[in-house]
Amino acid sequence: MKHRIVVLGAGYTGAIAAGRLARRLHPDDTEITVVNADPDFVERVRMHQLATGQELKRSRLSDIYAGTGVKVRLARVTAVDADRRTVALVDEHGAGEIAYDTLVYALGSAVADHGVPGVAEHAYDIAGKQSALRLRERLNDLAAGGTVLVVGGGLTGIEAATEIAEARPDLDVAIVARGGLGDWLNDTAQQHLREVFDRLGVAVHEHTDIARVEATGAVTGDARVIPAQVTVWTAGFAVHPIAAATTLEVAETGQIVVDATMRSVSHPDVYAVGDAGLAEGPGGKPLRMSCASGAPMAWQAADAIAARLTGRKIPQAPLRYFQQCISLGRRDGIIQFVTADDQAKPSLIKGKLAARYKEIICKGAAWGVAHPTLLLPTRRRRIAAIRTEILEATS
């Protein structure tokens, strides 16, 4: 029987892991299945562009994996039984189940409301394609002079606020940050960020907590009201609750606790990558939820799975950071170079060059996903147990 590898989720990390496994393992020995609810690969890092009316290139998973040996199953994951090694699914035919020998859990994350009242009822988010499209429709309905409030001063909030302000200069856009605006960046980057916000006319509310979201705006922790016809919530992400409902060891965040090879510390046949996995980075700090963390996690997991199955040495991918890429609309940006543990260095790129730099990074990541078996080895490795059986049968 073939060794069944099931990859849950086809975002950046799941898609990368599936393609890398297909490059390294012999198709006669393995059956790789990607389970995803959406038929397309979604460039999550571009959701702020989608929300502002830009058209993104469509990449069907069936086209991406055509001829690779990777099967695509369009379904929504509802549960994982880590002891029986099965995954419960719902697709167009109803409820079903798929069994695995090795599981790559890459279901990612969704927007986190942090228990703030009114977020679910009144706020929009850009954590996924459908939510970005809902925001897009709402923004299209706003007339000149309409008000938009972005809650969250992290990378997602900064990119959303500047993208909306640039695409719709007729709107009044504001942003709320719990700390200082971009206060993790170096001084030069922070100054450039403020200059761009001033140029785009984005009002900034720093050191401000939001206690409640209403239909007409947001109420701060000190009872001030910030009026807004549209509130965009970008105050962090939370993982899907599926893993926490299993016997897998998870952290308080609901992320699956993994070792240096992205392998579950409680279930050796399960690997977790991207936002779904809690992996240790440089200095013992957990890797942050980001594409910059997810890609090397996917490389490490795929290489570890292939090495263990084929009886080879497990390679180590560098789990470290090099830069933070921030788009400030389509024509401006900041590339903040960072230490291995994600602390800002004095060096950076800003302005139009930074915008081009980030665009190259984004296009490169999508191109890599769209070409999963590029430079396919002339000889993919056989699984050790199956190779032994073949040798015994022919001897």
Protein backbone atom coordinates (compact mmCIF):
# COMPACT_ATOMS: atom_id res chain seq x y z
CA MET A 1 0.00 0.00 0.00
CA LYS A 2 1.08 3.55 -0.67
CA HIS A 3 1.96 5.83 2.22
CA ARG A 4 -0.89 8.31 2.52
CA ILE A 5 0.12 11.94 3.14
CA VAL A 6 -2.73 14.36 3.71
CA VAL A 7 -2.12 18.12 3.73
CA LEU A 8 -4.87 20.18 5.34
CA GLY A 9 -5.00 23.67 3.84
CA ALA A 10 -3.54 25.05 0.62
CA GLY A 11 -2.42 28.48 1.69
CA TYR A 12 1.26 29.35 1.33
CA THR A 13 2.51 26.75 3.83
CA GLY A 14 0.26 23.85 2.85
CA ALA A 15 0.80 24.43 -0.86
CA ILE A 16 4.56 24.70 -0.45
CA ALA A 17 4.73 21.56 1.71
CA ALA A 18 2.68 19.50 -0.77
CA GLY A 19 4.80 20.58 -3.75
CA ARG A 20 8.06 19.95 -1.92
CA LEU A 21 6.92 16.47 -0.89
CA ALA A 22 5.97 15.71 -4.51
CA ARG A 23 9.49 16.70 -5.58
CA ARG A 24 11.16 14.41 -3.09
CA LEU A 25 9.05 11.26 -2.86
CA HIS A 26 8.43 8.60 -5.50
CA PRO A 27 4.81 8.62 -6.73
CA ASP A 28 4.69 4.81 -6.76
CA ASP A 29 5.19 4.79 -2.99
CA THR A 30 3.16 7.77 -1.84
CA GLU A 31 -0.29 9.28 -2.22
CA ILE A 32 -0.33 13.01 -1.48
CA THR A 33 -3.72 14.69 -1.05
CA VAL A 34 -4.31 18.39 -0.45
CA VAL A 35 -7.61 19.24 1.24
CA ASN A 36 -8.82 22.82 0.80
CA ALA A 37 -12.21 24.51 0.93
CA ASP A 38 -11.44 26.99 -1.85
CA PRO A 39 -10.67 25.77 -5.38
CA ASP A 40 -8.05 28.52 -5.76
CA PHE A 41 -4.74 29.33 -4.13
CA VAL A 42 -5.35 32.60 -2.29
CA GLU A 43 -2.53 35.13 -1.92
CA ARG A 44 -3.39 36.16 1.60
CA VAL A 45 -0.77 38.91 1.64
CA ARG A 46 -2.76 40.70 -1.06
CA MET A 47 -6.16 40.79 0.64
CA HIS A 48 -5.88 44.53 1.26
CA GLN A 49 -5.50 44.95 -2.50
CA LEU A 50 -8.52 42.77 -3.19
CA ALA A 51 -10.57 44.78 -0.70
CA THR A 52 -9.81 48.02 -2.52
CA GLY A 53 -11.03 46.80 -5.88
CA GLN A 54 -7.88 45.40 -7.47
CA GLU A 55 -8.23 42.24 -9.52
CA LEU A 56 -5.91 39.40 -8.55
CA LYS A 57 -4.75 36.63 -10.85
CA ARG A 58 -6.69 33.42 -10.29
CA SER A 59 -4.67 30.27 -9.62
CA ARG A 60 -6.71 27.07 -9.53
CA LEU A 61 -5.29 24.32 -7.36
CA SER A 62 -6.28 21.75 -9.97
CA ASP A 63 -4.04 23.54 -12.48
CA ILE A 64 -1.20 24.03 -10.00
CA TYR A 65 -0.97 20.33 -9.18
CA ALA A 66 -1.80 18.95 -12.62
CA GLY A 67 0.78 16.32 -13.53
CA THR A 68 2.50 16.38 -10.13
CA GLY A 69 0.78 13.36 -8.62
CA VAL A 70 -0.77 15.52 -5.90
CA LYS A 71 -4.52 15.06 -5.57
CA VAL A 72 -6.76 18.01 -4.68
CA ARG A 73 -9.88 17.41 -2.62
CA LEU A 74 -12.21 20.39 -2.27
CA ALA A 75 -13.74 20.12 1.18
CA ARG A 76 -14.01 21.86 4.53
CA VAL A 77 -12.27 20.19 7.47
CA THR A 78 -14.59 19.76 10.45
CA ALA A 79 -12.53 17.56 12.79
CA VAL A 80 -9.30 15.59 13.16
CA ASP A 81 -9.04 12.28 15.04
CA ALA A 82 -5.33 12.10 15.76
CA ASP A 83 -5.61 8.67 17.39
CA ARG A 84 -7.54 7.01 14.56
CA ARG A 85 -5.57 9.06 12.00
CA THR A 86 -8.65 10.32 10.19
CA VAL A 87 -9.97 13.71 9.13
CA ALA A 88 -13.69 14.52 8.99
CA LEU A 89 -14.71 16.58 5.95
CA VAL A 90 -17.73 18.20 4.35
CA ASP A 91 -17.83 18.65 0.58
CA GLU A 92 -20.47 19.03 -2.12
CA HIS A 93 -21.59 15.46 -1.51
CA GLY A 94 -21.98 15.89 2.25
CA ALA A 95 -19.99 14.61 5.22
CA GLY A 96 -17.07 12.28 4.66
CA GLU A 97 -13.74 11.12 6.00
CA ILE A 98 -10.18 10.68 4.80
CA ALA A 99 -7.48 8.55 6.45
CA TYR A 100 -3.78 9.37 6.61
CA ASP A 101 -0.45 7.85 7.55
CA THR A 102 1.20 11.28 7.78
CA LEU A 103 -0.74 14.51 8.31
CA VAL A 104 0.48 18.02 7.51
CA TYR A 105 -1.79 20.41 9.40
CA ALA A 106 -1.74 23.83 7.67
CA LEU A 107 -5.21 25.25 8.31
CA GLY A 108 -3.84 28.69 9.13
CA SER A 109 -5.72 31.31 11.10
CA ALA A 110 -8.68 33.65 11.06
CA VAL A 111 -9.31 37.10 12.49
CA ALA A 112 -9.26 37.34 16.31
CA ASP A 113 -11.82 39.60 17.99
CA HIS A 114 -10.15 39.27 21.44
CA GLY A 115 -13.59 39.20 23.02
CA VAL A 116 -14.35 42.80 22.03
CA PRO A 117 -18.14 43.26 21.77
CA GLY A 118 -19.50 44.20 18.37
CA VAL A 119 -16.60 43.00 16.23
CA ALA A 120 -18.50 40.06 14.76
CA GLU A 121 -21.63 42.12 14.17
CA HIS A 122 -20.25 45.40 12.89
CA ALA A 123 -16.61 45.05 11.75
CA TYR A 124 -15.06 43.87 8.50
CA ASP A 125 -11.74 42.05 8.13
CA ILE A 126 -9.26 41.02 5.44
CA ALA A 127 -8.16 37.69 6.91
CA GLY A 128 -9.49 35.77 3.90
CA LYS A 129 -10.84 36.13 0.37
CA GLN A 130 -14.54 36.16 1.22
CA SER A 131 -14.17 38.68 4.02
CA ALA A 132 -12.01 40.92 1.80
CA LEU A 133 -14.69 40.78 -0.90
CA ARG A 134 -17.36 41.78 1.65
CA LEU A 135 -15.26 44.78 2.63
CA ARG A 136 -14.74 45.60 -1.03
CA GLU A 137 -18.50 45.69 -1.61
CA ARG A 138 -19.02 47.90 1.45
CA LEU A 139 -16.30 50.34 0.42
CA ASN A 140 -17.84 50.59 -3.04
CA ASP A 141 -21.08 51.70 -1.40
CA LEU A 142 -19.40 54.58 0.44
CA ALA A 143 -19.87 58.00 -1.08
CA ALA A 144 -17.23 60.73 -1.03
CA GLY A 145 -16.60 61.91 2.51
CA GLY A 146 -17.33 58.48 3.98
CA THR A 147 -15.39 57.45 7.09
CA VAL A 148 -13.28 54.32 7.52
CA LEU A 149 -11.59 53.22 10.75
CA VAL A 150 -8.86 50.54 10.73
CA VAL A 151 -8.37 48.95 14.15
CA GLY A 152 -4.91 47.47 14.62
CA GLY A 153 -1.51 49.07 14.16
CA GLY A 154 0.42 46.01 13.01
CA LEU A 155 1.55 45.19 9.51
CA THR A 156 -1.95 44.23 8.33
CA GLY A 157 -3.52 47.39 9.71
CA ILE A 158 -0.86 49.67 8.26
CA GLU A 159 -1.16 48.09 4.81
CA ALA A 160 -4.96 48.18 4.91
CA ALA A 161 -5.15 51.83 5.97
CA THR A 162 -2.67 53.07 3.36
CA GLU A 163 -4.18 50.92 0.58
CA ILE A 164 -7.69 52.22 1.27
CA ALA A 165 -6.52 55.82 1.57
CA GLU A 166 -4.60 55.65 -1.70
CA ALA A 167 -7.36 53.86 -3.63
CA ARG A 168 -10.10 56.12 -2.24
CA PRO A 169 -8.64 59.58 -1.54
CA ASP A 170 -12.22 60.84 -1.25
CA LEU A 171 -12.68 58.93 2.03
CA ASP A 172 -11.63 59.93 5.54
CA VAL A 173 -9.44 57.09 6.80
CA ALA A 174 -8.17 56.66 10.36
CA ILE A 175 -6.18 53.99 12.19
CA VAL A 176 -6.11 52.94 15.85
CA ALA A 177 -2.95 51.43 17.37
CA ARG A 178 -2.58 50.08 20.90
CA GLY A 179 1.03 51.25 20.95
CA GLY A 180 2.94 53.77 18.89
CA LEU A 181 2.53 53.66 15.12
CA GLY A 182 5.18 51.27 13.77
CA ASP A 183 7.10 51.49 17.05
CA TRP A 184 8.94 48.22 16.32
CA LEU A 185 10.63 49.81 13.30
CA ASN A 186 13.81 51.85 13.43
CA ASP A 187 13.60 55.63 13.71
CA THR A 188 14.07 56.31 10.00
CA ALA A 189 11.35 53.83 9.07
CA GLN A 190 8.96 55.29 11.66
CA GLN A 191 9.55 58.78 10.29
CA HIS A 192 8.86 57.62 6.72
CA LEU A 193 5.72 55.83 7.87
CA ARG A 194 4.37 59.01 9.45
CA GLU A 195 5.22 61.03 6.35
CA VAL A 196 3.23 58.60 4.20
CA PHE A 197 0.26 58.67 6.58
CA ASP A 198 0.33 62.47 6.50
CA ARG A 199 0.55 62.50 2.71
CA LEU A 200 -2.39 60.12 2.39
CA GLY A 201 -4.40 61.97 5.02
CA VAL A 202 -4.75 59.02 7.40
CA ALA A 203 -5.60 60.13 10.95
CA VAL A 204 -3.67 58.22 13.65
CA HIS A 205 -4.95 57.33 17.13
CA GLU A 206 -1.99 55.92 19.05
CA HIS A 207 -1.89 54.23 22.46
CA THR A 208 -5.59 53.57 22.17
CA ASP A 209 -7.62 50.49 23.07
CA ILE A 210 -10.99 49.69 21.52
CA ALA A 211 -13.58 48.51 24.05
CA ARG A 212 -16.55 48.11 21.71
CA VAL A 213 -17.42 48.29 18.02
CA GLU A 214 -20.75 49.77 17.00
CA ALA A 215 -22.52 50.25 13.69
CA THR A 216 -21.46 53.90 13.64
CA GLY A 217 -17.88 53.56 14.88
CA ALA A 218 -15.81 52.38 17.82
CA VAL A 219 -15.71 53.20 21.53
CA THR A 220 -12.27 53.47 23.12
CA GLY A 221 -11.20 52.21 26.51
CA ASP A 222 -11.53 55.73 27.94
CA ALA A 223 -15.08 56.05 26.55
CA ARG A 224 -14.24 58.23 23.56
CA VAL A 225 -16.17 57.60 20.37
CA ILE A 226 -14.37 57.40 17.01
CA PRO A 227 -17.04 57.69 14.32
CA ALA A 228 -16.82 55.42 11.27
CA GLN A 229 -19.23 54.16 8.68
CA VAL A 230 -16.91 51.20 8.12
CA THR A 231 -14.70 49.61 10.78
CA VAL A 232 -11.95 47.27 9.55
CA TRP A 233 -10.67 44.92 12.26
CA THR A 234 -7.00 43.93 11.87
CA ALA A 235 -6.10 43.44 15.54
CA GLY A 236 -4.49 40.03 15.26
CA PHE A 237 -5.20 36.46 14.22
CA ALA A 238 -6.35 33.29 15.97
CA VAL A 239 -5.96 29.70 14.80
CA HIS A 240 -8.94 27.54 13.94
CA PRO A 241 -10.23 25.59 16.99
CA ILE A 242 -10.01 22.17 15.31
CA ALA A 243 -6.60 21.21 16.75
CA ALA A 244 -7.59 22.21 20.28
CA ALA A 245 -10.51 19.76 20.10
CA THR A 246 -8.16 16.83 19.43
CA THR A 247 -5.75 14.84 21.61
CA LEU A 248 -2.84 16.74 20.02
CA GLU A 249 -0.76 18.79 22.44
CA VAL A 250 -1.58 22.45 21.83
CA ALA A 251 -0.52 25.72 23.43
CA GLU A 252 -2.88 28.23 25.03
CA THR A 253 -3.17 29.84 21.61
CA GLY A 254 -4.58 26.62 20.15
CA GLN A 255 -1.46 26.11 18.04
CA ILE A 256 -0.01 22.61 17.77
CA VAL A 257 3.24 22.33 19.73
CA VAL A 258 6.00 21.07 17.42
CA ASP A 259 9.69 20.23 17.62
CA ALA A 260 12.48 21.59 15.42
CA THR A 261 11.28 19.48 12.48
CA MET A 262 7.68 20.78 12.76
CA ARG A 263 6.59 17.38 14.13
CA SER A 264 3.91 17.26 16.82
CA VAL A 265 5.48 16.56 20.22
CA SER A 266 2.54 14.29 21.09
CA HIS A 267 1.74 12.58 17.77
CA PRO A 268 4.78 11.75 15.57
CA ASP A 269 2.64 11.21 12.46
CA VAL A 270 1.38 14.81 12.55
CA TYR A 271 3.27 17.92 11.40
CA ALA A 272 2.02 21.48 11.81
CA VAL A 273 3.20 24.42 9.70
CA GLY A 274 2.38 28.09 9.34
CA ASP A 275 0.08 29.85 11.79
CA ALA A 276 -1.24 26.48 13.04
CA GLY A 277 2.11 25.40 14.52
CA LEU A 278 3.91 26.74 17.57
CA ALA A 279 7.59 26.53 16.63
CA GLU A 280 10.60 27.92 18.42
CA GLY A 281 12.65 30.50 16.57
CA PRO A 282 15.96 32.24 17.32
CA GLY A 283 16.48 33.12 20.96
CA GLY A 284 13.79 30.66 22.05
CA LYS A 285 11.02 33.00 20.92
CA PRO A 286 7.95 31.52 19.18
CA LEU A 287 7.82 32.29 15.47
CA ARG A 288 5.22 34.95 14.71
CA MET A 289 2.23 34.26 12.48
CA SER A 290 3.42 35.36 9.06
CA CYS A 291 4.36 34.19 5.59
CA ALA A 292 7.99 34.82 6.57
CA SER A 293 7.64 32.13 9.26
CA GLY A 294 5.37 29.78 7.32
CA ALA A 295 7.55 29.16 4.28
CA PRO A 296 10.64 27.87 6.14
CA MET A 297 8.35 25.84 8.44
CA ALA A 298 6.86 24.17 5.35
CA TRP A 299 10.32 23.49 3.90
CA GLN A 300 11.47 21.95 7.17
CA ALA A 301 8.37 19.77 7.60
CA ALA A 302 8.43 18.46 4.02
CA ASP A 303 12.15 17.71 4.13
CA ALA A 304 11.81 16.00 7.52
CA ILE A 305 8.90 13.84 6.32
CA ALA A 306 10.77 12.84 3.15
CA ALA A 307 13.96 12.11 5.07
CA ARG A 308 12.25 9.97 7.69
CA LEU A 309 10.30 8.00 5.11
CA THR A 310 13.32 7.35 2.93
CA GLY A 311 15.78 6.67 5.75
CA ARG A 312 17.97 9.70 5.08
CA LYS A 313 19.46 12.44 7.25
CA ILE A 314 17.02 15.19 8.20
CA PRO A 315 18.19 18.58 6.86
CA GLN A 316 17.67 21.76 8.86
CA ALA A 317 16.03 24.83 7.33
CA PRO A 318 17.00 28.21 8.84
CA LEU A 319 14.11 29.32 11.04
CA ARG A 320 15.04 32.97 11.23
CA TYR A 321 14.01 36.36 9.92
CA PHE A 322 15.71 38.65 7.43
CA GLN A 323 13.29 41.50 6.75
CA GLN A 324 9.80 42.89 7.21
CA CYS A 325 8.17 43.99 3.96
CA ILE A 326 5.47 46.66 4.31
CA SER A 327 3.49 48.06 1.39
CA LEU A 328 2.16 51.59 1.80
CA GLY A 329 -0.20 51.65 -1.13
CA ARG A 330 1.00 50.64 -4.60
CA ARG A 331 3.81 53.19 -4.96
CA ASP A 332 5.46 53.30 -1.55
CA GLY A 333 6.74 50.95 1.09
CA ILE A 334 9.28 50.03 3.74
CA ILE A 335 11.68 47.10 3.79
CA GLN A 336 12.92 46.90 7.37
CA PHE A 337 15.90 44.58 7.67
CA VAL A 338 15.89 42.66 10.93
CA THR A 339 18.04 40.39 13.07
CA ALA A 340 17.49 36.63 13.15
CA ASP A 341 15.02 37.11 16.03
CA ASP A 342 13.07 39.85 14.22
CA GLN A 343 14.53 43.00 15.80
CA ALA A 344 14.93 46.07 13.60
CA LYS A 345 18.37 46.84 12.20
CA PRO A 346 19.53 50.34 11.22
CA SER A 347 19.32 49.42 7.50
CA LEU A 348 16.16 49.71 5.44
CA ILE A 349 14.76 50.51 2.00
CA LYS A 350 11.90 52.96 1.61
CA GLY A 351 9.76 54.62 -1.04
CA LYS A 352 9.19 53.35 -4.58
CA LEU A 353 12.14 50.97 -4.46
CA ALA A 354 10.68 49.31 -1.37
CA ALA A 355 7.32 48.96 -3.12
CA ARG A 356 9.02 47.23 -6.06
CA TYR A 357 11.05 45.06 -3.68
CA LYS A 358 7.95 43.81 -1.88
CA GLU A 359 6.15 43.19 -5.15
CA ILE A 360 9.03 40.97 -6.27
CA ILE A 361 8.83 39.06 -2.97
CA CYS A 362 5.06 38.55 -3.31
CA LYS A 363 5.26 37.51 -6.94
CA GLY A 364 8.13 35.16 -6.16
CA ALA A 365 6.19 33.43 -3.39
CA ALA A 366 3.12 32.98 -5.62
CA TRP A 367 5.26 31.80 -8.54
CA GLY A 368 6.89 29.18 -6.32
CA VAL A 369 3.48 27.86 -5.25
CA ALA A 370 2.25 27.82 -8.86
CA HIS A 371 5.26 25.71 -9.96
CA PRO A 372 5.37 23.03 -7.23
CA THR A 373 7.63 20.57 -8.99
CA LEU A 374 9.99 22.93 -10.76
CA LEU A 375 13.43 21.38 -11.18
CA LEU A 376 11.93 17.96 -10.46
CA PRO A 377 14.74 15.54 -9.57
CA THR A 378 15.36 12.86 -12.19
CA ARG A 379 15.10 10.28 -9.42
CA ARG A 380 12.67 10.80 -6.57
CA ARG A 381 13.38 8.78 -3.45
CA ARG A 382 11.64 5.50 -2.61
CA ILE A 383 10.18 4.97 0.84
CA ALA A 384 12.59 2.84 2.87
CA ALA A 385 10.13 0.11 3.89
CA ILE A 386 8.74 -0.27 0.36
CA ARG A 387 12.24 -0.28 -1.14
CA THR A 388 13.20 -3.12 1.22
CA GLU A 389 10.14 -5.11 0.18
CA ILE A 390 11.01 -4.68 -3.51
CA LEU A 391 14.60 -5.82 -2.93
CA GLU A 392 13.44 -8.87 -0.97
CA ALA A 393 10.90 -9.80 -3.65
CA THR A 394 13.48 -9.67 -6.44
CA SER A 395 16.26 -11.45 -4.60
